[in-house]
Amino acid sequence: MRLLIRWVITSIAVAAAVWLVPGIRIEGTSGWWAVAVMAIALGLVNAVLRPILAFLSCGFIVLTLGLFMLVVNGLTFWAGSWMAVNWFNVGFYVDGLWPAILGSIVVSIVSFLLSLFLADQEERRNPAQV
């Protein structure tokens, strides 16, 4: 159930990024379908590619006091878009690195805020389950 809740939260956050960030667009497919598939692709990229990128760029991350993680997050968002377009055949496009960085910031903020509200309600229903 928690996986489904995380997927819905990520889908809403991706929809907010499409709505707020110029350079992120959906073409040719149903909007919610593209957002849902992008949330799945983003989860796959964050599970596989993001740790590798963070490890390989740890020197830059330390040198920039963590600001380089914005670039890593943007690259993973961009890679998720590429995966959604090429592997899942949905029209979710990110036009460059700057929209990807801004989109990853929007997705992070919106999913954090939604997790605050939805996680609290889930913990109130099942306080013994952690």
Protein backbone atom coordinates (compact mmCIF):
# COMPACT_ATOMS: atom_id res chain seq x y z
CA MET A 1 0.00 0.00 0.00
CA ARG A 2 2.86 2.36 0.78
CA LEU A 3 4.35 1.80 -2.68
CA LEU A 4 1.04 2.80 -4.27
CA ILE A 5 0.86 5.91 -2.08
CA ARG A 6 4.44 6.87 -3.03
CA TRP A 7 3.59 6.36 -6.72
CA VAL A 8 0.50 8.60 -6.44
CA ILE A 9 2.51 11.26 -4.60
CA THR A 10 5.23 11.19 -7.26
CA SER A 11 2.63 11.33 -10.04
CA ILE A 12 1.03 14.43 -8.51
CA ALA A 13 4.47 16.01 -8.08
CA VAL A 14 5.38 15.30 -11.71
CA ALA A 15 2.06 16.81 -12.82
CA ALA A 16 2.92 19.93 -10.82
CA ALA A 17 6.30 20.10 -12.57
CA VAL A 18 4.61 19.87 -15.98
CA TRP A 19 2.25 22.64 -15.00
CA LEU A 20 4.86 24.96 -13.43
CA VAL A 21 8.09 24.53 -15.39
CA PRO A 22 8.40 25.76 -18.95
CA GLY A 23 10.33 23.23 -21.00
CA ILE A 24 8.57 20.19 -19.53
CA ARG A 25 5.67 19.09 -21.70
CA ILE A 26 3.42 16.20 -22.59
CA GLU A 27 2.69 15.50 -26.24
CA GLY A 28 0.59 12.96 -28.08
CA THR A 29 -0.66 10.84 -25.19
CA SER A 30 -3.12 11.18 -22.36
CA GLY A 31 -1.71 13.57 -19.77
CA TRP A 32 -2.34 11.46 -16.69
CA TRP A 33 -1.04 8.32 -18.39
CA ALA A 34 2.21 10.10 -19.32
CA VAL A 35 2.56 11.47 -15.78
CA ALA A 36 1.94 8.04 -14.23
CA VAL A 37 4.47 6.36 -16.52
CA MET A 38 7.00 9.13 -15.85
CA ALA A 39 6.58 8.52 -12.10
CA ILE A 40 7.42 4.85 -12.66
CA ALA A 41 10.41 5.74 -14.86
CA LEU A 42 11.59 8.27 -12.28
CA GLY A 43 11.40 5.63 -9.57
CA LEU A 44 13.46 3.21 -11.65
CA VAL A 45 16.08 5.83 -12.47
CA ASN A 46 16.29 6.95 -8.84
CA ALA A 47 16.76 3.36 -7.71
CA VAL A 48 19.45 2.46 -10.25
CA LEU A 49 21.16 5.47 -11.82
CA ARG A 50 21.06 8.12 -9.07
CA PRO A 51 23.29 6.23 -6.57
CA ILE A 52 25.85 5.62 -9.31
CA LEU A 53 25.87 9.29 -10.35
CA ALA A 54 26.10 10.42 -6.72
CA PHE A 55 29.03 8.08 -6.08
CA LEU A 56 30.91 9.10 -9.22
CA SER A 57 30.43 12.80 -8.52
CA CYS A 58 31.04 12.76 -4.77
CA GLY A 59 34.12 14.97 -5.20
CA PHE A 60 32.07 17.67 -6.91
CA ILE A 61 29.34 17.30 -4.30
CA VAL A 62 31.81 17.88 -1.47
CA LEU A 63 33.56 20.70 -3.35
CA THR A 64 30.27 22.55 -3.96
CA LEU A 65 28.93 21.80 -0.46
CA GLY A 66 26.13 19.64 -1.86
CA LEU A 67 24.90 21.98 -4.59
CA PHE A 68 26.05 19.58 -7.30
CA MET A 69 23.26 17.24 -6.13
CA LEU A 70 20.89 19.62 -7.92
CA VAL A 71 22.65 18.70 -11.16
CA VAL A 72 22.53 14.99 -10.29
CA ASN A 73 18.81 15.26 -9.55
CA GLY A 74 18.27 17.13 -12.81
CA LEU A 75 20.15 14.48 -14.75
CA THR A 76 18.06 11.72 -13.19
CA PHE A 77 14.86 13.63 -14.04
CA TRP A 78 16.09 14.06 -17.60
CA ALA A 79 17.01 10.35 -17.79
CA GLY A 80 13.55 9.45 -16.50
CA SER A 81 12.03 11.50 -19.30
CA TRP A 82 14.26 9.78 -21.84
CA MET A 83 13.22 6.40 -20.45
CA ALA A 84 9.53 7.32 -20.55
CA VAL A 85 9.81 8.39 -24.18
CA ASN A 86 12.05 5.63 -25.53
CA TRP A 87 11.12 2.59 -23.42
CA PHE A 88 7.48 3.23 -22.53
CA ASN A 89 6.48 5.27 -25.63
CA VAL A 90 4.77 8.13 -23.82
CA GLY A 91 5.19 11.76 -24.80
CA PHE A 92 6.83 13.21 -21.69
CA TYR A 93 9.56 15.60 -22.83
CA VAL A 94 12.14 17.65 -20.95
CA ASP A 95 13.81 20.22 -23.21
CA GLY A 96 17.17 20.56 -21.48
CA LEU A 97 19.18 20.47 -18.29
CA TRP A 98 17.75 23.67 -16.77
CA PRO A 99 14.12 22.56 -17.08
CA ALA A 100 15.20 19.18 -15.70
CA ILE A 101 16.84 20.80 -12.68
CA LEU A 102 13.82 23.04 -12.06
CA GLY A 103 11.48 20.08 -12.56
CA SER A 104 13.42 17.97 -10.07
CA ILE A 105 13.22 20.80 -7.53
CA VAL A 106 9.45 21.09 -8.02
CA VAL A 107 9.00 17.32 -7.76
CA SER A 108 11.09 17.24 -4.57
CA ILE A 109 9.18 20.05 -2.88
CA VAL A 110 5.71 18.85 -3.87
CA SER A 111 6.39 15.24 -2.93
CA PHE A 112 7.87 16.33 0.41
CA LEU A 113 4.79 18.41 1.22
CA LEU A 114 2.37 15.68 0.14
CA SER A 115 4.33 13.08 2.10
CA LEU A 116 3.96 15.17 5.23
CA PHE A 117 0.17 15.04 4.99
CA LEU A 118 -0.34 11.54 3.61
CA ALA A 119 2.30 9.82 5.76
CA ASP A 120 0.77 11.30 8.92
CA GLN A 121 -2.66 9.96 8.04
CA GLU A 122 -1.20 6.52 7.27
CA GLU A 123 0.68 6.44 10.58
CA ARG A 124 -2.47 7.40 12.49
CA ARG A 125 -4.34 4.45 10.99
CA ASN A 126 -1.53 1.93 11.67
CA PRO A 127 0.61 3.25 14.56
CA ALA A 128 2.16 -0.14 15.35
CA GLN A 129 3.34 -0.74 11.77
CA VAL A 130 6.63 1.00 11.03
